[in-house]
C-alpha atoms as a PDB file:
ATOM      1  CA  MET A   1     -11.076  -9.925 -24.906  1.00  0.00           C
ATOM      2  CA  LEU A   2     -11.388  -7.427 -22.065  1.00  0.00           C
ATOM      3  CA  LEU A   3      -8.665  -4.795 -21.716  1.00  0.00           C
ATOM      4  CA  SER A   4      -7.849  -6.031 -18.194  1.00  0.00           C
ATOM      5  CA  ASP A   5      -7.286  -9.552 -19.540  1.00  0.00           C
ATOM      6  CA  LYS A   6      -5.094  -8.264 -22.369  1.00  0.00           C
ATOM      7  CA  ILE A   7      -2.927  -6.416 -19.843  1.00  0.00           C
ATOM      8  CA  LYS A   8      -2.687  -9.391 -17.483  1.00  0.00           C
ATOM      9  CA  ASN A   9      -1.859 -11.752 -20.344  1.00  0.00           C
ATOM     10  CA  THR A  10       0.927  -9.446 -21.499  1.00  0.00           C
ATOM     11  CA  ILE A  11       2.562  -8.647 -18.141  1.00  0.00           C
ATOM     12  CA  ARG A  12       5.687 -10.702 -17.439  1.00  0.00           C
ATOM     13  CA  ASN A  13       6.211 -12.082 -13.918  1.00  0.00           C
ATOM     14  CA  ILE A  14       9.789 -11.983 -12.648  1.00  0.00           C
ATOM     15  CA  GLN A  15      10.258 -14.238  -9.621  1.00  0.00           C
ATOM     16  CA  ASP A  16      12.424 -13.109  -6.689  1.00  0.00           C
ATOM     17  CA  TYR A  17      12.980  -9.588  -8.010  1.00  0.00           C
ATOM     18  CA  PRO A  18      14.128  -7.234  -6.600  1.00  0.00           C
ATOM     19  CA  LYS A  19      14.563  -9.628  -3.666  1.00  0.00           C
ATOM     20  CA  PRO A  20      13.558 -13.204  -2.767  1.00  0.00           C
ATOM     21  CA  GLY A  21       9.824 -13.686  -2.243  1.00  0.00           C
ATOM     22  CA  ILE A  22       8.760 -10.804  -4.510  1.00  0.00           C
ATOM     23  CA  THR A  23       7.092 -11.469  -7.866  1.00  0.00           C
ATOM     24  CA  PHE A  24       7.753  -8.354  -9.946  1.00  0.00           C
ATOM     25  CA  LYS A  25       5.116  -7.367 -12.522  1.00  0.00           C
ATOM     26  CA  ASP A  26       7.186  -6.324 -15.551  1.00  0.00           C
ATOM     27  CA  ILE A  27       5.333  -3.959 -17.905  1.00  0.00           C
ATOM     28  CA  THR A  28       8.066  -4.067 -20.565  1.00  0.00           C
ATOM     29  CA  PRO A  29       6.079  -6.521 -22.739  1.00  0.00           C
ATOM     30  CA  VAL A  30       3.076  -4.162 -22.510  1.00  0.00           C
ATOM     31  CA  LEU A  31       5.235  -1.281 -23.757  1.00  0.00           C
ATOM     32  CA  ALA A  32       6.315  -3.443 -26.711  1.00  0.00           C
ATOM     33  CA  ASP A  33       2.673  -3.798 -27.826  1.00  0.00           C
ATOM     34  CA  ALA A  34       1.783  -0.452 -29.400  1.00  0.00           C
ATOM     35  CA  GLY A  35      -1.827  -1.482 -29.957  1.00  0.00           C
ATOM     36  CA  LEU A  36      -2.279  -2.397 -26.305  1.00  0.00           C
ATOM     37  CA  VAL A  37      -0.620   0.826 -25.129  1.00  0.00           C
ATOM     38  CA  ARG A  38      -2.942   2.794 -27.424  1.00  0.00           C
ATOM     39  CA  GLU A  39      -5.993   0.959 -26.070  1.00  0.00           C
ATOM     40  CA  MET A  40      -4.881   1.545 -22.468  1.00  0.00           C
ATOM     41  CA  MET A  41      -4.316   5.248 -23.075  1.00  0.00           C
ATOM     42  CA  GLN A  42      -7.666   5.606 -24.841  1.00  0.00           C
ATOM     43  CA  GLN A  43      -9.368   4.039 -21.807  1.00  0.00           C
ATOM     44  CA  LEU A  44      -7.535   6.291 -19.327  1.00  0.00           C
ATOM     45  CA  ILE A  45      -8.367   9.375 -21.397  1.00  0.00           C
ATOM     46  CA  LYS A  46     -12.026   8.328 -21.559  1.00  0.00           C
ATOM     47  CA  ASP A  47     -12.074   7.712 -17.789  1.00  0.00           C
ATOM     48  CA  TYR A  48     -10.725  11.183 -16.949  1.00  0.00           C
ATOM     49  CA  LYS A  49     -11.901  13.416 -19.819  1.00  0.00           C
ATOM     50  CA  GLY A  50     -14.391  15.960 -18.537  1.00  0.00           C
ATOM     51  CA  GLN A  51     -13.249  15.713 -14.908  1.00  0.00           C
ATOM     52  CA  LYS A  52     -11.722  18.776 -13.279  1.00  0.00           C
ATOM     53  CA  ILE A  53      -8.046  17.795 -13.226  1.00  0.00           C
ATOM     54  CA  ASP A  54      -5.492  20.598 -13.146  1.00  0.00           C
ATOM     55  CA  ALA A  55      -2.351  18.418 -13.273  1.00  0.00           C
ATOM     56  CA  ILE A  56      -1.104  14.822 -13.360  1.00  0.00           C
ATOM     57  CA  ALA A  57       1.621  13.837 -10.876  1.00  0.00           C
ATOM     58  CA  SER A  58       3.562  10.651 -11.558  1.00  0.00           C
ATOM     59  CA  THR A  59       6.503   8.948  -9.927  1.00  0.00           C
ATOM     60  CA  GLU A  60       9.541   7.834 -11.841  1.00  0.00           C
ATOM     61  CA  ALA A  61      10.150   5.929 -13.859  1.00  0.00           C
ATOM     62  CA  ARG A  62       7.273   3.799 -15.101  1.00  0.00           C
ATOM     63  CA  GLY A  63       4.637   6.262 -13.919  1.00  0.00           C
ATOM     64  CA  PHE A  64       6.139   8.855 -16.257  1.00  0.00           C
ATOM     65  CA  ILE A  65       5.391   6.715 -19.304  1.00  0.00           C
ATOM     66  CA  PHE A  66       1.619   6.864 -19.039  1.00  0.00           C
ATOM     67  CA  GLY A  67       1.237   9.902 -16.761  1.00  0.00           C
ATOM     68  CA  SER A  68       2.910  12.295 -19.177  1.00  0.00           C
ATOM     69  CA  VAL A  69       0.785  11.090 -22.109  1.00  0.00           C
ATOM     70  CA  LEU A  70      -2.359  11.359 -19.985  1.00  0.00           C
ATOM     71  CA  ALA A  71      -1.446  14.943 -19.003  1.00  0.00           C
ATOM     72  CA  TYR A  72      -0.837  15.816 -22.661  1.00  0.00           C
ATOM     73  CA  GLU A  73      -4.145  14.322 -23.760  1.00  0.00           C
ATOM     74  CA  LEU A  74      -6.081  16.060 -20.970  1.00  0.00           C
ATOM     75  CA  GLY A  75      -4.324  19.375 -21.700  1.00  0.00           C
ATOM     76  CA  CYS A  76      -2.889  19.811 -18.229  1.00  0.00           C
ATOM     77  CA  PRO A  77       0.599  20.066 -16.688  1.00  0.00           C
ATOM     78  CA  PHE A  78       2.670  16.996 -15.871  1.00  0.00           C
ATOM     79  CA  VAL A  79       4.377  16.985 -12.458  1.00  0.00           C
ATOM     80  CA  PRO A  80       7.382  14.665 -12.165  1.00  0.00           C
ATOM     81  CA  VAL A  81       7.918  13.127  -8.731  1.00  0.00           C
ATOM     82  CA  ARG A  82      11.443  11.760  -8.555  1.00  0.00           C
ATOM     83  CA  LYS A  83      13.888   9.890  -6.362  1.00  0.00           C
ATOM     84  CA  THR A  84      16.021  12.004  -4.024  1.00  0.00           C
ATOM     85  CA  GLY A  85      18.628  14.205  -5.667  1.00  0.00           C
ATOM     86  CA  LYS A  86      17.214  14.057  -9.219  1.00  0.00           C
ATOM     87  CA  LEU A  87      15.398  17.409  -9.297  1.00  0.00           C
ATOM     88  CA  PRO A  88      17.504  20.571  -9.746  1.00  0.00           C
ATOM     89  CA  TYR A  89      15.342  23.115  -7.888  1.00  0.00           C
ATOM     90  CA  GLN A  90      14.035  23.417  -4.312  1.00  0.00           C
ATOM     91  CA  THR A  91      12.042  20.342  -3.319  1.00  0.00           C
ATOM     92  CA  LEU A  92       9.576  18.883  -0.875  1.00  0.00           C
ATOM     93  CA  SER A  93      10.363  15.281   0.101  1.00  0.00           C
ATOM     94  CA  ARG A  94       8.766  12.207   1.663  1.00  0.00           C
ATOM     95  CA  THR A  95      10.266   8.935   2.846  1.00  0.00           C
ATOM     96  CA  TYR A  96       7.951   5.938   2.777  1.00  0.00           C
ATOM     97  CA  ASN A  97       7.898   2.146   3.016  1.00  0.00           C
ATOM     98  CA  LEU A  98       7.804  -0.152   0.020  1.00  0.00           C
ATOM     99  CA  GLU A  99       6.853  -3.822   0.110  1.00  0.00           C
ATOM    100  CA  TYR A 100      10.615  -4.512  -0.048  1.00  0.00           C
ATOM    101  CA  GLY A 101      12.299  -1.548   1.694  1.00  0.00           C
ATOM    102  CA  THR A 102      12.097   2.243   1.962  1.00  0.00           C
ATOM    103  CA  ALA A 103      12.457   5.086  -0.529  1.00  0.00           C
ATOM    104  CA  THR A 104      12.389   8.872  -0.634  1.00  0.00           C
ATOM    105  CA  ILE A 105      10.719  10.913  -3.352  1.00  0.00           C
ATOM    106  CA  GLU A 106      10.792  14.622  -4.125  1.00  0.00           C
ATOM    107  CA  MET A 107       8.769  17.197  -6.009  1.00  0.00           C
ATOM    108  CA  HIS A 108       9.656  20.794  -6.874  1.00  0.00           C
ATOM    109  CA  THR A 109       8.178  23.271  -4.383  1.00  0.00           C
ATOM    110  CA  ASP A 110       6.541  25.239  -7.204  1.00  0.00           C
ATOM    111  CA  ALA A 111       5.259  22.263  -9.238  1.00  0.00           C
ATOM    112  CA  ILE A 112       1.676  22.642  -8.033  1.00  0.00           C
ATOM    113  CA  LYS A 113      -0.333  25.785  -7.553  1.00  0.00           C
ATOM    114  CA  PRO A 114      -2.471  25.996  -4.396  1.00  0.00           C
ATOM    115  CA  GLY A 115      -5.961  24.671  -5.014  1.00  0.00           C
ATOM    116  CA  TRP A 116      -5.041  22.600  -8.059  1.00  0.00           C
ATOM    117  CA  ARG A 117      -6.833  19.267  -8.337  1.00  0.00           C
ATOM    118  CA  VAL A 118      -4.074  16.742  -9.049  1.00  0.00           C
ATOM    119  CA  LEU A 119      -4.478  13.171 -10.256  1.00  0.00           C
ATOM    120  CA  VAL A 120      -1.773  10.772  -9.034  1.00  0.00           C
ATOM    121  CA  HIS A 121      -0.830   8.236 -11.711  1.00  0.00           C
ATOM    122  CA  ASP A 122       1.578   5.307 -11.485  1.00  0.00           C
ATOM    123  CA  ASP A 123       1.971   1.980 -13.196  1.00  0.00           C
ATOM    124  CA  LEU A 124       1.266  -0.272 -10.220  1.00  0.00           C
ATOM    125  CA  LEU A 125      -0.506  -0.138  -6.852  1.00  0.00           C
ATOM    126  CA  ALA A 126       0.983  -2.510  -4.271  1.00  0.00           C
ATOM    127  CA  THR A 127       1.080  -1.300  -0.651  1.00  0.00           C
ATOM    128  CA  GLY A 128       0.209   2.272  -1.620  1.00  0.00           C
ATOM    129  CA  GLY A 129       3.347   3.762  -0.079  1.00  0.00           C
ATOM    130  CA  THR A 130       4.493   5.598  -3.190  1.00  0.00           C
ATOM    131  CA  ALA A 131       1.008   6.922  -3.955  1.00  0.00           C
ATOM    132  CA  VAL A 132       0.436   8.072  -0.359  1.00  0.00           C
ATOM    133  CA  ALA A 133       3.811   9.837  -0.303  1.00  0.00           C
ATOM    134  CA  THR A 134       3.058  11.512  -3.653  1.00  0.00           C
ATOM    135  CA  ALA A 135      -0.380  12.606  -2.436  1.00  0.00           C
ATOM    136  CA  GLU A 136       1.146  14.017   0.761  1.00  0.00           C
ATOM    137  CA  LEU A 137       3.597  16.068  -1.340  1.00  0.00           C
ATOM    138  CA  ILE A 138       0.668  17.397  -3.369  1.00  0.00           C
ATOM    139  CA  GLN A 139      -1.180  18.384  -0.201  1.00  0.00           C
ATOM    140  CA  GLU A 140       1.936  19.965   1.316  1.00  0.00           C
ATOM    141  CA  ALA A 141       2.241  22.116  -1.821  1.00  0.00           C
ATOM    142  CA  GLY A 142      -1.393  23.235  -1.379  1.00  0.00           C
ATOM    143  CA  GLY A 143      -2.927  20.938  -3.981  1.00  0.00           C
ATOM    144  CA  ILE A 144      -5.977  18.711  -3.716  1.00  0.00           C
ATOM    145  CA  VAL A 145      -5.736  15.008  -4.513  1.00  0.00           C
ATOM    146  CA  ALA A 146      -8.318  14.506  -7.278  1.00  0.00           C
ATOM    147  CA  GLY A 147      -7.805  10.734  -7.427  1.00  0.00           C
ATOM    148  CA  PHE A 148      -5.432   7.852  -8.034  1.00  0.00           C
ATOM    149  CA  SER A 149      -4.900   6.099 -11.351  1.00  0.00           C
ATOM    150  CA  PHE A 150      -2.942   2.906 -12.006  1.00  0.00           C
ATOM    151  CA  ILE A 151      -2.444   0.381 -14.765  1.00  0.00           C
ATOM    152  CA  ILE A 152      -2.223  -2.566 -12.338  1.00  0.00           C
ATOM    153  CA  ASN A 153      -3.590  -3.189  -8.834  1.00  0.00           C
ATOM    154  CA  LEU A 154      -2.178  -5.974  -6.673  1.00  0.00           C
ATOM    155  CA  SER A 155      -5.372  -6.657  -4.733  1.00  0.00           C
ATOM    156  CA  PHE A 156      -3.635  -9.129  -2.396  1.00  0.00           C
ATOM    157  CA  LEU A 157      -1.652  -6.206  -0.940  1.00  0.00           C
ATOM    158  CA  PRO A 158      -3.219  -3.354   1.102  1.00  0.00           C
ATOM    159  CA  GLY A 159      -2.670  -0.477  -1.345  1.00  0.00           C
ATOM    160  CA  GLU A 160      -6.289   0.057  -2.301  1.00  0.00           C
ATOM    161  CA  LYS A 161      -7.399   0.058   1.357  1.00  0.00           C
ATOM    162  CA  ASN A 162      -4.531   2.355   2.374  1.00  0.00           C
ATOM    163  CA  LEU A 163      -5.516   4.962  -0.223  1.00  0.00           C
ATOM    164  CA  GLU A 164      -9.188   4.774   0.704  1.00  0.00           C
ATOM    165  CA  ASP A 165      -8.346   5.057   4.429  1.00  0.00           C
ATOM    166  CA  HIS A 166      -5.915   7.996   3.980  1.00  0.00           C
ATOM    167  CA  PHE A 167      -7.755   9.998   1.328  1.00  0.00           C
ATOM    168  CA  GLY A 168     -11.306   8.638   1.106  1.00  0.00           C
ATOM    169  CA  VAL A 169     -10.792   7.977  -2.598  1.00  0.00           C
ATOM    170  CA  LYS A 170     -11.158   4.629  -4.326  1.00  0.00           C
ATOM    171  CA  PRO A 171      -8.252   4.185  -6.740  1.00  0.00           C
ATOM    172  CA  HIS A 172      -8.889   3.532 -10.431  1.00  0.00           C
ATOM    173  CA  TYR A 173      -6.935   0.825 -12.288  1.00  0.00           C
ATOM    174  CA  LEU A 174      -7.143  -1.022 -15.574  1.00  0.00           C
ATOM    175  CA  ALA A 175      -6.239  -4.543 -14.344  1.00  0.00           C
ATOM    176  CA  SER A 176      -6.144  -6.280 -10.976  1.00  0.00           C
ATOM    177  CA  TYR A 177      -4.394  -9.398  -9.703  1.00  0.00           C
END
């Protein structure tokens, strides 16, 4: 069975969460399958090994799960991008729209060195708001967006197009709905 099919068959759909009309893609069952997680990580490592990536930036909380392992395996720094008020040092911040509201994320001002090529990784691409905001923080800090990596793409939402339009980069993902 293809990796994308394994992921899609393992994801749990939660209807009307976090609000009516939204079908939430719950990765918890994926995390419970160590073999699947290993296979996903091996694929991500293969996809990015040998590319010039100076750091991996991921948004909390689910992006941290795979982004930190990917950074470790590629031998580069991990940059946590967090919700407002969670980082203890000076921060850069961005407010953006979600498919079900707005949010603000922050990154330490010294998390990225100017000129670093930074891969943005998160668990899911929906409208692209979180990824765009993360990429804008990277650029504000003087970094270069090296690409976008996701476990899941919701192709019925405009995230992929938004990232291509804003950054000229086609996002990479392991499974698409």
